[in-house]
């Protein structure tokens, strides 16, 4: 499982937290969930807890054929990088999904979501939080769906399934 938000439980994995198959897929034919271009999806992960950010990165590393992961512990730095990538004339690719904690100093996940959506209304965002605040978030941000909010701790396989679902959906 990936972090619960307390300083005593940053990165506990259960024995079920292993790649879904040897190639990082979960389906019978082994097809990876790559972007439309056939390249790995670019994922930005933001969590102000360094241990949890590291754990997310480590947990997704077995899926490196499927995902390029960039982690940040500062939402403002993440936003700066998002803008750099978005405005790069020689851009390699935008972020296919942004995964963000909700409670962070200076710029919280909800504020970050609003900025990202103002910059790109089609940007896919997944919230991950130790708080049980899904209904509250949906009431504040009606465009957010319940499946776009995950409560920590989360099993790696569950996280990968959710990422795959969001990447394959039209938001």
N, C-alpha and C. Protein backbone atom coordinates (compact mmCIF):
# COMPACT_ATOMS: atom_id res chain seq x y z
N UNK A 1 0.84 -1.18 0.00
CA UNK A 1 0.00 0.00 0.00
C UNK A 1 0.88 1.24 0.00
N UNK A 2 0.36 2.28 -0.56
CA UNK A 2 1.10 3.54 -0.59
C UNK A 2 0.52 4.45 0.46
N UNK A 3 1.42 5.04 1.23
CA UNK A 3 1.24 5.96 2.32
C UNK A 3 -0.13 6.32 2.83
N UNK A 4 -0.16 6.54 4.13
CA UNK A 4 -1.39 6.91 4.78
C UNK A 4 -1.40 8.32 5.29
N UNK A 5 -0.34 9.07 5.09
CA UNK A 5 -0.34 10.46 5.46
C UNK A 5 0.23 10.76 6.83
N UNK A 6 0.41 9.76 7.66
CA UNK A 6 1.00 10.03 8.97
C UNK A 6 2.50 9.81 8.87
N UNK A 7 3.25 10.46 9.72
CA UNK A 7 4.70 10.36 9.64
C UNK A 7 5.19 8.98 10.03
N UNK A 8 4.35 8.15 10.63
CA UNK A 8 4.76 6.81 11.01
C UNK A 8 4.51 5.78 9.92
N UNK A 9 3.75 6.11 8.90
CA UNK A 9 3.39 5.15 7.86
C UNK A 9 3.52 5.79 6.49
N UNK A 10 4.74 5.95 6.03
CA UNK A 10 4.93 6.62 4.75
C UNK A 10 4.78 5.69 3.57
N UNK A 11 5.29 4.50 3.68
CA UNK A 11 5.29 3.67 2.48
C UNK A 11 5.24 2.19 2.83
N UNK A 12 4.09 1.72 3.20
CA UNK A 12 3.93 0.30 3.50
C UNK A 12 3.31 -0.39 2.30
N UNK A 13 3.99 -1.41 1.78
CA UNK A 13 3.47 -2.18 0.66
C UNK A 13 2.98 -3.52 1.19
N UNK A 14 1.87 -3.99 0.67
CA UNK A 14 1.39 -5.32 1.02
C UNK A 14 1.93 -6.31 0.01
N UNK A 15 1.80 -7.59 0.30
CA UNK A 15 2.31 -8.60 -0.64
C UNK A 15 1.52 -8.61 -1.94
N UNK A 16 0.34 -8.02 -1.96
CA UNK A 16 -0.45 -7.94 -3.19
C UNK A 16 0.05 -6.85 -4.12
N UNK A 17 0.96 -6.01 -3.65
CA UNK A 17 1.42 -4.87 -4.43
C UNK A 17 2.59 -5.26 -5.31
N UNK A 18 2.29 -5.92 -6.41
CA UNK A 18 3.29 -6.31 -7.40
C UNK A 18 2.69 -6.07 -8.78
N UNK A 19 3.51 -5.99 -9.78
CA UNK A 19 2.97 -5.76 -11.12
C UNK A 19 1.88 -6.78 -11.45
N UNK A 20 0.93 -6.36 -12.23
CA UNK A 20 -0.21 -7.19 -12.57
C UNK A 20 0.20 -8.35 -13.48
N UNK A 21 1.24 -8.19 -14.25
CA UNK A 21 1.81 -9.28 -15.04
C UNK A 21 3.25 -8.91 -15.34
N UNK A 22 3.97 -9.81 -15.93
CA UNK A 22 5.40 -9.56 -16.16
C UNK A 22 5.67 -8.37 -17.06
N UNK A 23 4.71 -8.03 -17.93
CA UNK A 23 4.92 -6.88 -18.81
C UNK A 23 4.23 -5.62 -18.29
N UNK A 24 3.68 -5.68 -17.07
CA UNK A 24 3.02 -4.51 -16.50
C UNK A 24 1.58 -4.37 -16.93
N UNK A 25 1.01 -5.40 -17.54
CA UNK A 25 -0.37 -5.32 -17.98
C UNK A 25 -1.24 -6.20 -17.11
N UNK A 26 -2.55 -6.03 -17.25
CA UNK A 26 -3.46 -6.84 -16.47
C UNK A 26 -4.44 -7.61 -17.34
N UNK A 27 -4.28 -7.52 -18.64
CA UNK A 27 -5.24 -8.22 -19.48
C UNK A 27 -4.60 -9.42 -20.16
N UNK A 28 -5.43 -10.27 -20.71
CA UNK A 28 -4.97 -11.54 -21.23
C UNK A 28 -4.00 -11.41 -22.39
N UNK A 29 -4.20 -10.42 -23.25
CA UNK A 29 -3.32 -10.31 -24.42
C UNK A 29 -2.07 -9.49 -24.16
N UNK A 30 -1.91 -8.96 -22.95
CA UNK A 30 -0.70 -8.26 -22.58
C UNK A 30 -0.56 -6.87 -23.15
N UNK A 31 -1.62 -6.30 -23.72
CA UNK A 31 -1.53 -4.97 -24.32
C UNK A 31 -1.33 -3.92 -23.25
N UNK A 32 -0.39 -3.03 -23.48
CA UNK A 32 -0.13 -1.94 -22.55
C UNK A 32 -1.05 -0.78 -22.85
N UNK A 33 -1.32 0.01 -21.84
CA UNK A 33 -2.17 1.18 -22.00
C UNK A 33 -1.29 2.38 -22.31
N UNK A 34 -0.79 2.47 -23.52
CA UNK A 34 0.06 3.56 -23.94
C UNK A 34 -0.79 4.68 -24.50
N UNK A 35 -0.19 5.83 -24.73
CA UNK A 35 -0.92 6.94 -25.33
C UNK A 35 -1.25 6.60 -26.78
N UNK A 36 -2.05 7.44 -27.40
CA UNK A 36 -2.45 7.22 -28.79
C UNK A 36 -1.26 7.14 -29.74
N UNK A 37 -0.15 7.77 -29.37
CA UNK A 37 1.04 7.76 -30.21
C UNK A 37 1.86 6.49 -30.02
N UNK A 38 1.45 5.65 -29.08
CA UNK A 38 2.19 4.44 -28.80
C UNK A 38 3.34 4.65 -27.83
N UNK A 39 3.46 5.85 -27.30
CA UNK A 39 4.51 6.17 -26.34
C UNK A 39 3.97 6.04 -24.92
N UNK A 40 4.85 5.85 -23.95
CA UNK A 40 4.39 5.79 -22.55
C UNK A 40 3.68 7.09 -22.16
N UNK A 41 2.69 6.95 -21.30
CA UNK A 41 1.96 8.12 -20.80
C UNK A 41 2.85 8.89 -19.83
N UNK A 42 2.76 10.21 -19.88
CA UNK A 42 3.51 11.07 -18.97
C UNK A 42 2.65 11.39 -17.76
N UNK A 43 3.17 11.06 -16.58
CA UNK A 43 2.44 11.26 -15.34
C UNK A 43 3.22 12.21 -14.44
N UNK A 44 2.52 13.21 -13.92
CA UNK A 44 3.08 14.11 -12.92
C UNK A 44 2.43 13.75 -11.59
N UNK A 45 3.26 13.52 -10.56
CA UNK A 45 2.75 13.21 -9.23
C UNK A 45 3.22 14.29 -8.27
N UNK A 46 2.27 14.84 -7.49
CA UNK A 46 2.60 15.89 -6.53
C UNK A 46 2.10 15.48 -5.16
N UNK A 47 3.01 15.37 -4.21
CA UNK A 47 2.68 15.12 -2.81
C UNK A 47 3.75 15.80 -1.98
N UNK A 48 3.34 16.64 -1.04
CA UNK A 48 4.31 17.40 -0.26
C UNK A 48 5.12 16.52 0.69
N UNK A 49 4.71 15.30 0.93
CA UNK A 49 5.46 14.37 1.76
C UNK A 49 6.48 13.67 0.85
N UNK A 50 7.76 13.94 1.08
CA UNK A 50 8.82 13.41 0.22
C UNK A 50 8.80 11.89 0.17
N UNK A 51 8.54 11.25 1.31
CA UNK A 51 8.52 9.79 1.35
C UNK A 51 7.39 9.22 0.50
N UNK A 52 6.24 9.84 0.56
CA UNK A 52 5.10 9.35 -0.23
C UNK A 52 5.33 9.60 -1.72
N UNK A 53 5.87 10.76 -2.07
CA UNK A 53 6.17 11.04 -3.48
C UNK A 53 7.17 10.01 -4.01
N UNK A 54 8.19 9.71 -3.22
CA UNK A 54 9.19 8.71 -3.60
C UNK A 54 8.53 7.34 -3.75
N UNK A 55 7.63 7.02 -2.83
CA UNK A 55 6.96 5.72 -2.85
C UNK A 55 6.08 5.57 -4.09
N UNK A 56 5.36 6.62 -4.46
CA UNK A 56 4.56 6.57 -5.69
C UNK A 56 5.45 6.31 -6.89
N UNK A 57 6.56 7.02 -6.97
CA UNK A 57 7.51 6.85 -8.07
C UNK A 57 8.04 5.42 -8.10
N UNK A 58 8.43 4.91 -6.94
CA UNK A 58 8.96 3.55 -6.84
C UNK A 58 7.89 2.52 -7.20
N UNK A 59 6.68 2.74 -6.72
CA UNK A 59 5.59 1.80 -6.98
C UNK A 59 5.26 1.69 -8.47
N UNK A 60 5.40 2.79 -9.19
CA UNK A 60 5.09 2.78 -10.62
C UNK A 60 6.28 2.39 -11.49
N UNK A 61 7.46 2.26 -10.90
CA UNK A 61 8.66 1.94 -11.69
C UNK A 61 8.56 0.60 -12.44
N UNK A 62 7.87 -0.44 -11.91
CA UNK A 62 7.74 -1.66 -12.72
C UNK A 62 6.91 -1.45 -14.00
N UNK A 63 6.24 -0.33 -14.10
CA UNK A 63 5.40 -0.02 -15.25
C UNK A 63 6.08 1.00 -16.18
N UNK A 64 7.41 1.02 -16.17
CA UNK A 64 8.14 2.05 -16.92
C UNK A 64 7.93 1.97 -18.43
N UNK A 65 7.50 0.83 -18.95
CA UNK A 65 7.18 0.74 -20.38
C UNK A 65 5.86 1.43 -20.67
N UNK A 66 5.07 1.60 -19.63
CA UNK A 66 3.74 2.17 -19.76
C UNK A 66 3.69 3.65 -19.37
N UNK A 67 4.53 4.04 -18.40
CA UNK A 67 4.46 5.38 -17.83
C UNK A 67 5.83 6.02 -17.66
N UNK A 68 5.91 7.32 -17.97
CA UNK A 68 7.04 8.16 -17.57
C UNK A 68 6.52 8.96 -16.38
N UNK A 69 7.17 8.82 -15.24
CA UNK A 69 6.68 9.46 -14.01
C UNK A 69 7.65 10.54 -13.57
N UNK A 70 7.10 11.70 -13.26
CA UNK A 70 7.88 12.81 -12.70
C UNK A 70 7.19 13.22 -11.40
N UNK A 71 7.95 13.24 -10.30
CA UNK A 71 7.36 13.55 -9.00
C UNK A 71 7.85 14.90 -8.48
N UNK A 72 6.96 15.53 -7.71
CA UNK A 72 7.24 16.83 -7.11
C UNK A 72 6.73 16.84 -5.68
N UNK A 73 7.45 17.55 -4.82
CA UNK A 73 6.99 17.72 -3.44
C UNK A 73 6.51 19.14 -3.19
N UNK A 74 6.56 19.97 -4.19
CA UNK A 74 6.13 21.36 -4.09
C UNK A 74 5.18 21.65 -5.25
N UNK A 75 3.93 21.99 -4.94
CA UNK A 75 2.92 22.20 -5.98
C UNK A 75 3.28 23.37 -6.89
N UNK A 76 3.90 24.41 -6.34
CA UNK A 76 4.29 25.55 -7.18
C UNK A 76 5.37 25.14 -8.18
N UNK A 77 6.32 24.33 -7.74
CA UNK A 77 7.36 23.84 -8.66
C UNK A 77 6.74 22.93 -9.72
N UNK A 78 5.77 22.12 -9.32
CA UNK A 78 5.09 21.25 -10.27
C UNK A 78 4.35 22.08 -11.31
N UNK A 79 3.67 23.11 -10.87
CA UNK A 79 2.95 23.99 -11.79
C UNK A 79 3.92 24.67 -12.75
N UNK A 80 5.05 25.12 -12.23
CA UNK A 80 6.07 25.74 -13.07
C UNK A 80 6.54 24.76 -14.15
N UNK A 81 6.78 23.52 -13.76
CA UNK A 81 7.21 22.50 -14.73
C UNK A 81 6.09 22.19 -15.74
N UNK A 82 4.86 22.12 -15.27
CA UNK A 82 3.71 21.88 -16.14
C UNK A 82 3.67 22.95 -17.23
N UNK A 83 3.86 24.21 -16.83
CA UNK A 83 3.83 25.31 -17.79
C UNK A 83 5.01 25.25 -18.75
N UNK A 84 6.19 24.88 -18.25
CA UNK A 84 7.36 24.74 -19.12
C UNK A 84 7.10 23.70 -20.21
N UNK A 85 6.57 22.56 -19.80
CA UNK A 85 6.30 21.48 -20.76
C UNK A 85 5.20 21.91 -21.73
N UNK A 86 4.16 22.54 -21.21
CA UNK A 86 3.02 22.97 -22.04
C UNK A 86 3.45 24.00 -23.08
N UNK A 87 4.38 24.88 -22.70
CA UNK A 87 4.78 25.98 -23.58
C UNK A 87 6.02 25.69 -24.41
N UNK A 88 6.60 24.51 -24.26
CA UNK A 88 7.81 24.15 -24.99
C UNK A 88 7.48 23.96 -26.47
N UNK A 89 8.10 24.75 -27.32
CA UNK A 89 7.86 24.66 -28.75
C UNK A 89 8.33 23.32 -29.31
N UNK A 90 9.36 22.75 -28.70
CA UNK A 90 9.89 21.45 -29.12
C UNK A 90 9.37 20.35 -28.20
N UNK A 91 8.17 20.55 -27.73
CA UNK A 91 7.65 19.67 -26.67
C UNK A 91 7.69 18.21 -27.05
N UNK A 92 8.12 17.45 -26.05
CA UNK A 92 8.11 16.01 -26.21
C UNK A 92 6.69 15.50 -25.98
N UNK A 93 5.99 16.08 -25.01
CA UNK A 93 4.61 15.71 -24.75
C UNK A 93 4.14 16.41 -23.48
N UNK A 94 2.85 16.69 -23.45
CA UNK A 94 2.26 17.22 -22.23
C UNK A 94 2.09 16.08 -21.23
N UNK A 95 1.65 16.43 -20.03
CA UNK A 95 1.35 15.40 -19.04
C UNK A 95 -0.02 14.80 -19.37
N UNK A 96 -0.07 13.49 -19.46
CA UNK A 96 -1.33 12.81 -19.76
C UNK A 96 -2.24 12.78 -18.54
N UNK A 97 -1.64 12.76 -17.36
CA UNK A 97 -2.41 12.78 -16.12
C UNK A 97 -1.57 13.42 -15.02
N UNK A 98 -2.23 14.19 -14.19
CA UNK A 98 -1.60 14.78 -13.00
C UNK A 98 -2.26 14.14 -11.79
N UNK A 99 -1.43 13.59 -10.92
CA UNK A 99 -1.91 12.97 -9.69
C UNK A 99 -1.44 13.85 -8.54
N UNK A 100 -2.40 14.37 -7.76
CA UNK A 100 -2.03 15.34 -6.74
C UNK A 100 -2.67 15.05 -5.39
N UNK A 101 -1.90 15.30 -4.35
CA UNK A 101 -2.43 15.29 -3.00
C UNK A 101 -3.36 16.50 -2.89
N UNK A 102 -4.21 16.50 -1.90
CA UNK A 102 -5.12 17.63 -1.72
C UNK A 102 -4.54 18.64 -0.74
N UNK A 103 -4.15 18.16 0.42
CA UNK A 103 -3.61 19.07 1.44
C UNK A 103 -2.12 19.26 1.24
N UNK A 104 -1.76 20.47 0.81
CA UNK A 104 -0.36 20.83 0.63
C UNK A 104 -0.22 22.30 0.97
N UNK A 105 0.96 22.71 1.44
CA UNK A 105 1.15 24.12 1.78
C UNK A 105 1.23 24.99 0.51
N UNK A 106 0.96 26.25 0.69
CA UNK A 106 1.06 27.27 -0.37
C UNK A 106 0.01 27.11 -1.48
N UNK A 107 0.02 25.99 -2.16
CA UNK A 107 -0.92 25.74 -3.25
C UNK A 107 -1.48 24.34 -3.05
N UNK A 108 -2.76 24.25 -2.66
CA UNK A 108 -3.31 22.92 -2.38
C UNK A 108 -3.79 22.26 -3.67
N UNK A 109 -4.18 21.00 -3.57
CA UNK A 109 -4.57 20.23 -4.74
C UNK A 109 -5.79 20.79 -5.46
N UNK A 110 -6.74 21.34 -4.71
CA UNK A 110 -7.94 21.91 -5.33
C UNK A 110 -7.58 23.17 -6.11
N UNK A 111 -6.75 24.02 -5.53
CA UNK A 111 -6.30 25.22 -6.25
C UNK A 111 -5.51 24.83 -7.50
N UNK A 112 -4.65 23.84 -7.35
CA UNK A 112 -3.85 23.37 -8.48
C UNK A 112 -4.77 22.84 -9.58
N UNK A 113 -5.76 22.05 -9.21
CA UNK A 113 -6.74 21.52 -10.16
C UNK A 113 -7.39 22.66 -10.95
N UNK A 114 -7.83 23.69 -10.25
CA UNK A 114 -8.50 24.81 -10.91
C UNK A 114 -7.58 25.52 -11.90
N UNK A 115 -6.32 25.68 -11.53
CA UNK A 115 -5.35 26.31 -12.44
C UNK A 115 -5.11 25.43 -13.66
N UNK A 116 -4.89 24.13 -13.42
CA UNK A 116 -4.62 23.21 -14.53
C UNK A 116 -5.80 23.16 -15.50
N UNK A 117 -7.01 23.12 -14.97
CA UNK A 117 -8.19 23.07 -15.83
C UNK A 117 -8.39 24.38 -16.59
N UNK A 118 -8.00 25.52 -15.98
CA UNK A 118 -8.07 26.80 -16.68
C UNK A 118 -7.06 26.84 -17.84
N UNK A 119 -5.91 26.20 -17.64
CA UNK A 119 -4.89 26.14 -18.69
C UNK A 119 -5.26 25.14 -19.78
N UNK A 120 -5.88 24.04 -19.37
CA UNK A 120 -6.24 22.98 -20.32
C UNK A 120 -7.45 22.24 -19.77
N UNK A 121 -8.61 22.53 -20.30
CA UNK A 121 -9.86 21.96 -19.77
C UNK A 121 -9.90 20.43 -19.91
N UNK A 122 -9.07 19.86 -20.78
CA UNK A 122 -9.06 18.41 -20.96
C UNK A 122 -8.01 17.70 -20.12
N UNK A 123 -7.25 18.46 -19.32
CA UNK A 123 -6.22 17.85 -18.49
C UNK A 123 -6.85 16.86 -17.51
N UNK A 124 -6.31 15.66 -17.46
CA UNK A 124 -6.80 14.63 -16.55
C UNK A 124 -6.08 14.77 -15.22
N UNK A 125 -6.88 14.80 -14.14
CA UNK A 125 -6.33 14.99 -12.80
C UNK A 125 -6.93 13.94 -11.88
N UNK A 126 -6.08 13.36 -11.06
CA UNK A 126 -6.50 12.37 -10.07
C UNK A 126 -6.08 12.89 -8.71
N UNK A 127 -7.02 12.95 -7.78
CA UNK A 127 -6.72 13.38 -6.42
C UNK A 127 -6.41 12.15 -5.56
N UNK A 128 -5.38 12.28 -4.72
CA UNK A 128 -5.08 11.25 -3.73
C UNK A 128 -4.90 11.95 -2.40
N UNK A 129 -5.63 11.48 -1.39
CA UNK A 129 -5.59 12.15 -0.10
C UNK A 129 -5.80 11.17 1.04
N UNK A 130 -5.19 11.46 2.17
CA UNK A 130 -5.42 10.67 3.39
C UNK A 130 -6.77 11.03 3.99
N UNK A 131 -7.34 12.13 3.56
CA UNK A 131 -8.64 12.57 4.08
C UNK A 131 -9.77 11.84 3.38
N UNK A 132 -10.85 11.62 4.10
CA UNK A 132 -12.05 11.04 3.50
C UNK A 132 -12.95 12.19 3.09
N UNK A 133 -12.57 12.85 2.00
CA UNK A 133 -13.23 14.10 1.62
C UNK A 133 -13.81 14.08 0.21
N UNK A 134 -14.06 12.90 -0.31
CA UNK A 134 -14.53 12.79 -1.70
C UNK A 134 -15.81 13.58 -1.93
N UNK A 135 -16.79 13.42 -1.07
CA UNK A 135 -18.07 14.12 -1.26
C UNK A 135 -17.90 15.63 -1.16
N UNK A 136 -17.02 16.07 -0.27
CA UNK A 136 -16.77 17.50 -0.13
C UNK A 136 -16.12 18.07 -1.40
N UNK A 137 -15.17 17.33 -1.95
CA UNK A 137 -14.50 17.78 -3.17
C UNK A 137 -15.50 17.85 -4.32
N UNK A 138 -16.32 16.84 -4.44
CA UNK A 138 -17.32 16.81 -5.52
C UNK A 138 -18.31 17.96 -5.37
N UNK A 139 -18.64 18.34 -4.13
CA UNK A 139 -19.57 19.45 -3.94
C UNK A 139 -18.93 20.79 -4.32
N UNK A 140 -17.62 20.90 -4.14
CA UNK A 140 -16.90 22.13 -4.50
C UNK A 140 -16.54 22.14 -5.99
N UNK A 141 -16.19 20.97 -6.50
CA UNK A 141 -15.79 20.83 -7.90
C UNK A 141 -16.69 19.79 -8.57
N UNK A 142 -17.87 20.18 -9.01
CA UNK A 142 -18.83 19.22 -9.58
C UNK A 142 -18.32 18.46 -10.80
N UNK A 143 -17.30 18.98 -11.47
CA UNK A 143 -16.78 18.29 -12.65
C UNK A 143 -15.91 17.09 -12.29
N UNK A 144 -15.52 16.98 -11.01
CA UNK A 144 -14.70 15.86 -10.55
C UNK A 144 -15.61 14.67 -10.30
N UNK A 145 -15.20 13.51 -10.80
CA UNK A 145 -15.97 12.28 -10.61
C UNK A 145 -15.41 11.53 -9.39
N UNK A 146 -16.25 10.74 -8.78
CA UNK A 146 -15.87 9.99 -7.59
C UNK A 146 -14.66 9.10 -7.84
N UNK A 147 -14.55 8.52 -9.05
CA UNK A 147 -13.42 7.64 -9.34
C UNK A 147 -12.12 8.41 -9.60
N UNK A 148 -12.16 9.74 -9.53
CA UNK A 148 -10.96 10.56 -9.69
C UNK A 148 -10.41 11.01 -8.34
N UNK A 149 -10.92 10.40 -7.27
CA UNK A 149 -10.47 10.71 -5.91
C UNK A 149 -10.16 9.39 -5.21
N UNK A 150 -8.92 9.23 -4.79
CA UNK A 150 -8.49 8.01 -4.11
C UNK A 150 -8.08 8.37 -2.69
N UNK A 151 -8.49 7.52 -1.76
CA UNK A 151 -8.11 7.71 -0.37
C UNK A 151 -6.85 6.89 -0.08
N UNK A 152 -5.85 7.55 0.52
CA UNK A 152 -4.65 6.84 0.96
C UNK A 152 -4.97 6.11 2.25
N UNK A 153 -4.35 5.00 2.50
CA UNK A 153 -3.38 4.30 1.65
C UNK A 153 -4.08 3.60 0.49
N UNK A 154 -3.32 3.35 -0.56
CA UNK A 154 -3.86 2.72 -1.76
C UNK A 154 -2.91 1.61 -2.19
N UNK A 155 -3.48 0.49 -2.63
CA UNK A 155 -2.65 -0.59 -3.15
C UNK A 155 -2.16 -0.21 -4.54
N UNK A 156 -0.97 -0.62 -4.87
CA UNK A 156 -0.37 -0.26 -6.14
C UNK A 156 -1.23 -0.74 -7.31
N UNK A 157 -1.70 -1.97 -7.26
CA UNK A 157 -2.52 -2.49 -8.37
C UNK A 157 -3.78 -1.67 -8.54
N UNK A 158 -4.39 -1.23 -7.45
CA UNK A 158 -5.58 -0.39 -7.53
C UNK A 158 -5.24 0.94 -8.19
N UNK A 159 -4.13 1.54 -7.79
CA UNK A 159 -3.69 2.80 -8.38
C UNK A 159 -3.47 2.65 -9.88
N UNK A 160 -2.80 1.60 -10.29
CA UNK A 160 -2.53 1.37 -11.71
C UNK A 160 -3.84 1.19 -12.47
N UNK A 161 -4.77 0.44 -11.91
CA UNK A 161 -6.07 0.25 -12.57
C UNK A 161 -6.79 1.58 -12.76
N UNK A 162 -6.76 2.42 -11.73
CA UNK A 162 -7.43 3.73 -11.81
C UNK A 162 -6.74 4.61 -12.85
N UNK A 163 -5.42 4.63 -12.84
CA UNK A 163 -4.68 5.41 -13.84
C UNK A 163 -5.05 4.95 -15.24
N UNK A 164 -5.06 3.65 -15.45
CA UNK A 164 -5.40 3.11 -16.77
C UNK A 164 -6.81 3.51 -17.18
N UNK A 165 -7.73 3.43 -16.25
CA UNK A 165 -9.12 3.79 -16.55
C UNK A 165 -9.23 5.27 -16.95
N UNK A 166 -8.59 6.13 -16.16
CA UNK A 166 -8.67 7.57 -16.44
C UNK A 166 -7.99 7.90 -17.76
N UNK A 167 -6.84 7.29 -18.02
CA UNK A 167 -6.14 7.56 -19.27
C UNK A 167 -6.94 7.10 -20.49
N UNK A 168 -7.72 6.05 -20.33
CA UNK A 168 -8.49 5.54 -21.47
C UNK A 168 -9.85 6.21 -21.61
N UNK A 169 -10.22 7.07 -20.66
CA UNK A 169 -11.53 7.71 -20.72
C UNK A 169 -11.42 9.10 -21.33
N UNK A 170 -12.55 9.58 -21.83
CA UNK A 170 -12.63 10.94 -22.33
C UNK A 170 -13.22 11.81 -21.23
N UNK A 171 -12.42 12.75 -20.75
CA UNK A 171 -12.91 13.65 -19.68
C UNK A 171 -13.35 14.95 -20.28
